[in-house]
Amino acid sequence: MLSIVKKLREELNLSQSKFAKVAGFNSIQQVSNLENMRQNVGLGLINKMVNNLNQNGHEAQLIVKVRINGKSIRLKI
């Protein structure tokens, strides 16, 4: 399973160093830990990442799809 952080970074075609800066991470090590799943990615962290990407000129949206009793609910956050 590929990390969501790695997927986003590769989609933006950024190095770990540049991605750390534009996504609001404290260090390249944090990006590496997230990409290699040594650190968990929670909804709060994804939301922070999306907000920082937007502030740095990358159009990003967080949409959550929840499935309950066979019915899908999409939420824009």
PDB file of N, CA and C in Angstrom:
ATOM      1  N   MET A   1       0.841  -1.182   0.000  1.00  0.00           N
ATOM      2  CA  MET A   1       0.000   0.000   0.000  1.00  0.00           C
ATOM      3  C   MET A   1       0.882   1.239   0.000  1.00  0.00           C
ATOM      4  N   LEU A   2       0.634   2.134  -0.946  1.00  0.00           N
ATOM      5  CA  LEU A   2       1.419   3.354  -1.067  1.00  0.00           C
ATOM      6  C   LEU A   2       0.845   4.423  -0.142  1.00  0.00           C
ATOM      7  N   SER A   3       1.702   5.137   0.533  1.00  0.00           N
ATOM      8  CA  SER A   3       1.298   6.180   1.458  1.00  0.00           C
ATOM      9  C   SER A   3       0.619   7.331   0.726  1.00  0.00           C
ATOM     10  N   ILE A   4      -0.422   7.898   1.328  1.00  0.00           N
ATOM     11  CA  ILE A   4      -1.107   9.053   0.742  1.00  0.00           C
ATOM     12  C   ILE A   4      -0.147  10.224   0.607  1.00  0.00           C
ATOM     13  N   VAL A   5       0.772  10.378   1.535  1.00  0.00           N
ATOM     14  CA  VAL A   5       1.748  11.467   1.471  1.00  0.00           C
ATOM     15  C   VAL A   5       2.642  11.282   0.244  1.00  0.00           C
ATOM     16  N   LYS A   6       3.094  10.069   0.012  1.00  0.00           N
ATOM     17  CA  LYS A   6       3.944   9.804  -1.148  1.00  0.00           C
ATOM     18  C   LYS A   6       3.164  10.012  -2.446  1.00  0.00           C
ATOM     19  N   LYS A   7       1.906   9.575  -2.473  1.00  0.00           N
ATOM     20  CA  LYS A   7       1.070   9.768  -3.657  1.00  0.00           C
ATOM     21  C   LYS A   7       0.941  11.258  -3.979  1.00  0.00           C
ATOM     22  N   LEU A   8       0.647  12.058  -2.963  1.00  0.00           N
ATOM     23  CA  LEU A   8       0.500  13.499  -3.178  1.00  0.00           C
ATOM     24  C   LEU A   8       1.810  14.133  -3.630  1.00  0.00           C
ATOM     25  N   ARG A   9       2.898  13.775  -2.976  1.00  0.00           N
ATOM     26  CA  ARG A   9       4.209  14.340  -3.318  1.00  0.00           C
ATOM     27  C   ARG A   9       4.586  13.996  -4.754  1.00  0.00           C
ATOM     28  N   GLU A  10       4.374  12.748  -5.142  1.00  0.00           N
ATOM     29  CA  GLU A  10       4.703  12.336  -6.501  1.00  0.00           C
ATOM     30  C   GLU A  10       3.788  12.998  -7.529  1.00  0.00           C
ATOM     31  N   GLU A  11       2.516  13.170  -7.188  1.00  0.00           N
ATOM     32  CA  GLU A  11       1.583  13.854  -8.089  1.00  0.00           C
ATOM     33  C   GLU A  11       2.034  15.293  -8.339  1.00  0.00           C
ATOM     34  N   LEU A  12       2.583  15.930  -7.312  1.00  0.00           N
ATOM     35  CA  LEU A  12       3.080  17.302  -7.435  1.00  0.00           C
ATOM     36  C   LEU A  12       4.492  17.355  -8.014  1.00  0.00           C
ATOM     37  N   ASN A  13       5.104  16.188  -8.168  1.00  0.00           N
ATOM     38  CA  ASN A  13       6.463  16.079  -8.702  1.00  0.00           C
ATOM     39  C   ASN A  13       7.463  16.901  -7.877  1.00  0.00           C
ATOM     40  N   LEU A  14       7.391  16.732  -6.553  1.00  0.00           N
ATOM     41  CA  LEU A  14       8.265  17.466  -5.644  1.00  0.00           C
ATOM     42  C   LEU A  14       9.190  16.514  -4.890  1.00  0.00           C
ATOM     43  N   SER A  15      10.368  17.001  -4.562  1.00  0.00           N
ATOM     44  CA  SER A  15      11.274  16.247  -3.692  1.00  0.00           C
ATOM     45  C   SER A  15      10.677  16.239  -2.283  1.00  0.00           C
ATOM     46  N   GLN A  16      11.193  15.369  -1.429  1.00  0.00           N
ATOM     47  CA  GLN A  16      10.724  15.351  -0.043  1.00  0.00           C
ATOM     48  C   GLN A  16      10.991  16.692   0.630  1.00  0.00           C
ATOM     49  N   SER A  17      12.110  17.302   0.326  1.00  0.00           N
ATOM     50  CA  SER A  17      12.479  18.586   0.918  1.00  0.00           C
ATOM     51  C   SER A  17      11.488  19.685   0.525  1.00  0.00           C
ATOM     52  N   LYS A  18      11.196  19.793  -0.758  1.00  0.00           N
ATOM     53  CA  LYS A  18      10.272  20.820  -1.244  1.00  0.00           C
ATOM     54  C   LYS A  18       8.863  20.542  -0.748  1.00  0.00           C
ATOM     55  N   PHE A  19       8.460  19.269  -0.750  1.00  0.00           N
ATOM     56  CA  PHE A  19       7.125  18.916  -0.277  1.00  0.00           C
ATOM     57  C   PHE A  19       6.973  19.259   1.203  1.00  0.00           C
ATOM     58  N   ALA A  20       8.004  19.003   1.995  1.00  0.00           N
ATOM     59  CA  ALA A  20       7.954  19.338   3.425  1.00  0.00           C
ATOM     60  C   ALA A  20       7.662  20.822   3.602  1.00  0.00           C
ATOM     61  N   LYS A  21       8.275  21.661   2.789  1.00  0.00           N
ATOM     62  CA  LYS A  21       8.070  23.111   2.899  1.00  0.00           C
ATOM     63  C   LYS A  21       6.662  23.519   2.489  1.00  0.00           C
ATOM     64  N   VAL A  22       6.186  23.063   1.340  1.00  0.00           N
ATOM     65  CA  VAL A  22       4.883  23.522   0.849  1.00  0.00           C
ATOM     66  C   VAL A  22       3.705  22.869   1.560  1.00  0.00           C
ATOM     67  N   ALA A  23       3.913  21.700   2.160  1.00  0.00           N
ATOM     68  CA  ALA A  23       2.826  21.013   2.860  1.00  0.00           C
ATOM     69  C   ALA A  23       2.817  21.308   4.360  1.00  0.00           C
ATOM     70  N   GLY A  24       3.800  22.063   4.840  1.00  0.00           N
ATOM     71  CA  GLY A  24       3.799  22.491   6.233  1.00  0.00           C
ATOM     72  C   GLY A  24       4.353  21.491   7.231  1.00  0.00           C
ATOM     73  N   PHE A  25       5.234  20.611   6.781  1.00  0.00           N
ATOM     74  CA  PHE A  25       5.837  19.655   7.704  1.00  0.00           C
ATOM     75  C   PHE A  25       7.056  20.257   8.379  1.00  0.00           C
ATOM     76  N   ASN A  26       7.399  19.715   9.532  1.00  0.00           N
ATOM     77  CA  ASN A  26       8.530  20.224  10.305  1.00  0.00           C
ATOM     78  C   ASN A  26       9.880  19.834   9.713  1.00  0.00           C
ATOM     79  N   SER A  27       9.918  18.704   9.005  1.00  0.00           N
ATOM     80  CA  SER A  27      11.208  18.224   8.513  1.00  0.00           C
ATOM     81  C   SER A  27      11.031  17.219   7.379  1.00  0.00           C
ATOM     82  N   ILE A  28      12.123  16.995   6.664  1.00  0.00           N
ATOM     83  CA  ILE A  28      12.146  15.958   5.636  1.00  0.00           C
ATOM     84  C   ILE A  28      11.951  14.595   6.295  1.00  0.00           C
ATOM     85  N   GLN A  29      12.485  14.435   7.495  1.00  0.00           N
ATOM     86  CA  GLN A  29      12.361  13.166   8.220  1.00  0.00           C
ATOM     87  C   GLN A  29      10.898  12.826   8.480  1.00  0.00           C
ATOM     88  N   GLN A  30      10.087  13.838   8.792  1.00  0.00           N
ATOM     89  CA  GLN A  30       8.664  13.590   9.023  1.00  0.00           C
ATOM     90  C   GLN A  30       8.002  13.096   7.733  1.00  0.00           C
ATOM     91  N   VAL A  31       8.340  13.693   6.604  1.00  0.00           N
ATOM     92  CA  VAL A  31       7.797  13.245   5.321  1.00  0.00           C
ATOM     93  C   VAL A  31       8.226  11.798   5.067  1.00  0.00           C
ATOM     94  N   SER A  32       9.496  11.500   5.295  1.00  0.00           N
ATOM     95  CA  SER A  32      10.007  10.141   5.100  1.00  0.00           C
ATOM     96  C   SER A  32       9.277   9.145   6.001  1.00  0.00           C
ATOM     97  N   ASN A  33       9.092   9.512   7.264  1.00  0.00           N
ATOM     98  CA  ASN A  33       8.391   8.628   8.205  1.00  0.00           C
ATOM     99  C   ASN A  33       6.960   8.358   7.754  1.00  0.00           C
ATOM    100  N   LEU A  34       6.277   9.394   7.254  1.00  0.00           N
ATOM    101  CA  LEU A  34       4.902   9.233   6.782  1.00  0.00           C
ATOM    102  C   LEU A  34       4.859   8.380   5.519  1.00  0.00           C
ATOM    103  N   GLU A  35       5.804   8.617   4.609  1.00  0.00           N
ATOM    104  CA  GLU A  35       5.836   7.852   3.364  1.00  0.00           C
ATOM    105  C   GLU A  35       6.134   6.378   3.598  1.00  0.00           C
ATOM    106  N   ASN A  36       6.955   6.095   4.583  1.00  0.00           N
ATOM    107  CA  ASN A  36       7.329   4.714   4.874  1.00  0.00           C
ATOM    108  C   ASN A  36       6.471   4.094   5.971  1.00  0.00           C
ATOM    109  N   MET A  37       5.396   4.799   6.311  1.00  0.00           N
ATOM    110  CA  MET A  37       4.399   4.356   7.281  1.00  0.00           C
ATOM    111  C   MET A  37       4.978   4.027   8.655  1.00  0.00           C
ATOM    112  N   ARG A  38       6.010   4.769   9.024  1.00  0.00           N
ATOM    113  CA  ARG A  38       6.553   4.671  10.389  1.00  0.00           C
ATOM    114  C   ARG A  38       5.806   5.638  11.308  1.00  0.00           C
ATOM    115  N   GLN A  39       4.984   6.498  10.703  1.00  0.00           N
ATOM    116  CA  GLN A  39       4.157   7.448  11.431  1.00  0.00           C
ATOM    117  C   GLN A  39       2.785   7.427  10.769  1.00  0.00           C
ATOM    118  N   ASN A  40       1.729   7.473  11.568  1.00  0.00           N
ATOM    119  CA  ASN A  40       0.373   7.416  11.028  1.00  0.00           C
ATOM    120  C   ASN A  40      -0.059   8.766  10.474  1.00  0.00           C
ATOM    121  N   VAL A  41      -0.861   8.709   9.429  1.00  0.00           N
ATOM    122  CA  VAL A  41      -1.439   9.909   8.832  1.00  0.00           C
ATOM    123  C   VAL A  41      -2.902   9.957   9.249  1.00  0.00           C
ATOM    124  N   GLY A  42      -3.255  10.955  10.047  1.00  0.00           N
ATOM    125  CA  GLY A  42      -4.633  11.115  10.481  1.00  0.00           C
ATOM    126  C   GLY A  42      -5.342  12.187   9.665  1.00  0.00           C
ATOM    127  N   LEU A  43      -6.640  12.287   9.834  1.00  0.00           N
ATOM    128  CA  LEU A  43      -7.436  13.259   9.111  1.00  0.00           C
ATOM    129  C   LEU A  43      -6.989  14.692   9.404  1.00  0.00           C
ATOM    130  N   GLY A  44      -6.614  14.959  10.642  1.00  0.00           N
ATOM    131  CA  GLY A  44      -6.136  16.296  11.003  1.00  0.00           C
ATOM    132  C   GLY A  44      -4.880  16.674  10.245  1.00  0.00           C
ATOM    133  N   LEU A  45      -3.965  15.731  10.111  1.00  0.00           N
ATOM    134  CA  LEU A  45      -2.716  15.982   9.389  1.00  0.00           C
ATOM    135  C   LEU A  45      -2.989  16.190   7.897  1.00  0.00           C
ATOM    136  N   ILE A  46      -3.891  15.408   7.336  1.00  0.00           N
ATOM    137  CA  ILE A  46      -4.238  15.570   5.928  1.00  0.00           C
ATOM    138  C   ILE A  46      -4.875  16.944   5.703  1.00  0.00           C
ATOM    139  N   ASN A  47      -5.755  17.351   6.606  1.00  0.00           N
ATOM    140  CA  ASN A  47      -6.393  18.661   6.504  1.00  0.00           C
ATOM    141  C   ASN A  47      -5.348  19.778   6.561  1.00  0.00           C
ATOM    142  N   LYS A  48      -4.398  19.671   7.473  1.00  0.00           N
ATOM    143  CA  LYS A  48      -3.314  20.656   7.585  1.00  0.00           C
ATOM    144  C   LYS A  48      -2.501  20.697   6.288  1.00  0.00           C
ATOM    145  N   MET A  49      -2.194  19.537   5.750  1.00  0.00           N
ATOM    146  CA  MET A  49      -1.417  19.434   4.527  1.00  0.00           C
ATOM    147  C   MET A  49      -2.163  20.112   3.367  1.00  0.00           C
ATOM    148  N   VAL A  50      -3.455  19.850   3.231  1.00  0.00           N
ATOM    149  CA  VAL A  50      -4.270  20.442   2.173  1.00  0.00           C
ATOM    150  C   VAL A  50      -4.301  21.966   2.319  1.00  0.00           C
ATOM    151  N   ASN A  51      -4.509  22.455   3.526  1.00  0.00           N
ATOM    152  CA  ASN A  51      -4.531  23.902   3.758  1.00  0.00           C
ATOM    153  C   ASN A  51      -3.198  24.542   3.382  1.00  0.00           C
ATOM    154  N   ASN A  52      -2.094  23.923   3.781  1.00  0.00           N
ATOM    155  CA  ASN A  52      -0.771  24.461   3.452  1.00  0.00           C
ATOM    156  C   ASN A  52      -0.492  24.405   1.953  1.00  0.00           C
ATOM    157  N   LEU A  53      -0.902  23.333   1.293  1.00  0.00           N
ATOM    158  CA  LEU A  53      -0.721  23.243  -0.154  1.00  0.00           C
ATOM    159  C   LEU A  53      -1.465  24.382  -0.855  1.00  0.00           C
ATOM    160  N   ASN A  54      -2.694  24.653  -0.410  1.00  0.00           N
ATOM    161  CA  ASN A  54      -3.462  25.760  -0.985  1.00  0.00           C
ATOM    162  C   ASN A  54      -2.781  27.101  -0.755  1.00  0.00           C
ATOM    163  N   GLN A  55      -2.256  27.311   0.430  1.00  0.00           N
ATOM    164  CA  GLN A  55      -1.573  28.567   0.749  1.00  0.00           C
ATOM    165  C   GLN A  55      -0.305  28.745  -0.077  1.00  0.00           C
ATOM    166  N   ASN A  56       0.249  27.649  -0.568  1.00  0.00           N
ATOM    167  CA  ASN A  56       1.487  27.698  -1.340  1.00  0.00           C
ATOM    168  C   ASN A  56       1.259  27.498  -2.843  1.00  0.00           C
ATOM    169  N   GLY A  57       0.037  27.795  -3.303  1.00  0.00           N
ATOM    170  CA  GLY A  57      -0.224  27.827  -4.729  1.00  0.00           C
ATOM    171  C   GLY A  57      -0.630  26.525  -5.391  1.00  0.00           C
ATOM    172  N   HIS A  58      -0.912  25.501  -4.610  1.00  0.00           N
ATOM    173  CA  HIS A  58      -1.363  24.222  -5.171  1.00  0.00           C
ATOM    174  C   HIS A  58      -2.836  24.052  -4.828  1.00  0.00           C
ATOM    175  N   GLU A  59      -3.657  23.861  -5.847  1.00  0.00           N
ATOM    176  CA  GLU A  59      -5.085  23.697  -5.611  1.00  0.00           C
ATOM    177  C   GLU A  59      -5.341  22.308  -5.030  1.00  0.00           C
ATOM    178  N   ALA A  60      -5.842  22.284  -3.815  1.00  0.00           N
ATOM    179  CA  ALA A  60      -6.090  21.004  -3.130  1.00  0.00           C
ATOM    180  C   ALA A  60      -7.419  21.074  -2.390  1.00  0.00           C
ATOM    181  N   GLN A  61      -8.106  19.958  -2.337  1.00  0.00           N
ATOM    182  CA  GLN A  61      -9.365  19.836  -1.612  1.00  0.00           C
ATOM    183  C   GLN A  61      -9.372  18.526  -0.853  1.00  0.00           C
ATOM    184  N   LEU A  62      -9.959  18.550   0.312  1.00  0.00           N
ATOM    185  CA  LEU A  62     -10.122  17.319   1.090  1.00  0.00           C
ATOM    186  C   LEU A  62     -11.592  16.926   1.017  1.00  0.00           C
ATOM    187  N   ILE A  63     -11.844  15.776   0.411  1.00  0.00           N
ATOM    188  CA  ILE A  63     -13.198  15.246   0.311  1.00  0.00           C
ATOM    189  C   ILE A  63     -13.186  13.869   0.964  1.00  0.00           C
ATOM    190  N   VAL A  64     -14.068  13.679   1.922  1.00  0.00           N
ATOM    191  CA  VAL A  64     -14.149  12.421   2.650  1.00  0.00           C
ATOM    192  C   VAL A  64     -15.401  11.684   2.195  1.00  0.00           C
ATOM    193  N   LYS A  65     -15.225  10.425   1.872  1.00  0.00           N
ATOM    194  CA  LYS A  65     -16.355   9.590   1.478  1.00  0.00           C
ATOM    195  C   LYS A  65     -16.570   8.555   2.574  1.00  0.00           C
ATOM    196  N   VAL A  66     -17.758   8.589   3.164  1.00  0.00           N
ATOM    197  CA  VAL A  66     -18.111   7.656   4.232  1.00  0.00           C
ATOM    198  C   VAL A  66     -19.227   6.760   3.712  1.00  0.00           C
ATOM    199  N   ARG A  67     -19.088   5.467   3.955  1.00  0.00           N
ATOM    200  CA  ARG A  67     -20.096   4.517   3.513  1.00  0.00           C
ATOM    201  C   ARG A  67     -20.768   3.926   4.749  1.00  0.00           C
ATOM    202  N   ILE A  68     -22.091   4.125   4.836  1.00  0.00           N
ATOM    203  CA  ILE A  68     -22.868   3.635   5.969  1.00  0.00           C
ATOM    204  C   ILE A  68     -24.046   2.831   5.434  1.00  0.00           C
ATOM    205  N   ASN A  69     -24.132   1.577   5.871  1.00  0.00           N
ATOM    206  CA  ASN A  69     -25.229   0.705   5.440  1.00  0.00           C
ATOM    207  C   ASN A  69     -25.409   0.719   3.924  1.00  0.00           C
ATOM    208  N   GLY A  70     -24.298   0.693   3.198  1.00  0.00           N
ATOM    209  CA  GLY A  70     -24.357   0.640   1.740  1.00  0.00           C
ATOM    210  C   GLY A  70     -24.571   1.981   1.064  1.00  0.00           C
ATOM    211  N   LYS A  71     -24.750   3.043   1.840  1.00  0.00           N
ATOM    212  CA  LYS A  71     -24.997   4.365   1.270  1.00  0.00           C
ATOM    213  C   LYS A  71     -23.738   5.223   1.459  1.00  0.00           C
ATOM    214  N   SER A  72     -23.326   5.894   0.388  1.00  0.00           N
ATOM    215  CA  SER A  72     -22.138   6.757   0.431  1.00  0.00           C
ATOM    216  C   SER A  72     -22.536   8.199   0.748  1.00  0.00           C
ATOM    217  N   ILE A  73     -21.735   8.807   1.591  1.00  0.00           N
ATOM    218  CA  ILE A  73     -21.909  10.222   1.938  1.00  0.00           C
ATOM    219  C   ILE A  73     -20.573  10.894   1.672  1.00  0.00           C
ATOM    220  N   ARG A  74     -20.572  11.942   0.850  1.00  0.00           N
ATOM    221  CA  ARG A  74     -19.353  12.704   0.551  1.00  0.00           C
ATOM    222  C   ARG A  74     -19.363  13.993   1.330  1.00  0.00           C
ATOM    223  N   LEU A  75     -18.268  14.279   1.989  1.00  0.00           N
ATOM    224  CA  LEU A  75     -18.144  15.500   2.781  1.00  0.00           C
ATOM    225  C   LEU A  75     -16.937  16.284   2.307  1.00  0.00           C
ATOM    226  N   LYS A  76     -17.123  17.558   1.993  1.00  0.00           N
ATOM    227  CA  LYS A  76     -15.991  18.434   1.688  1.00  0.00           C
ATOM    228  C   LYS A  76     -15.581  19.075   2.987  1.00  0.00           C
ATOM    229  N   ILE A  77     -14.278  18.996   3.268  1.00  0.00           N
ATOM    230  CA  ILE A  77     -13.766  19.562   4.522  1.00  0.00           C
ATOM    231  C   ILE A  77     -12.868  20.725   4.189  1.00  0.00           C
TER     232      ILE A  77
END
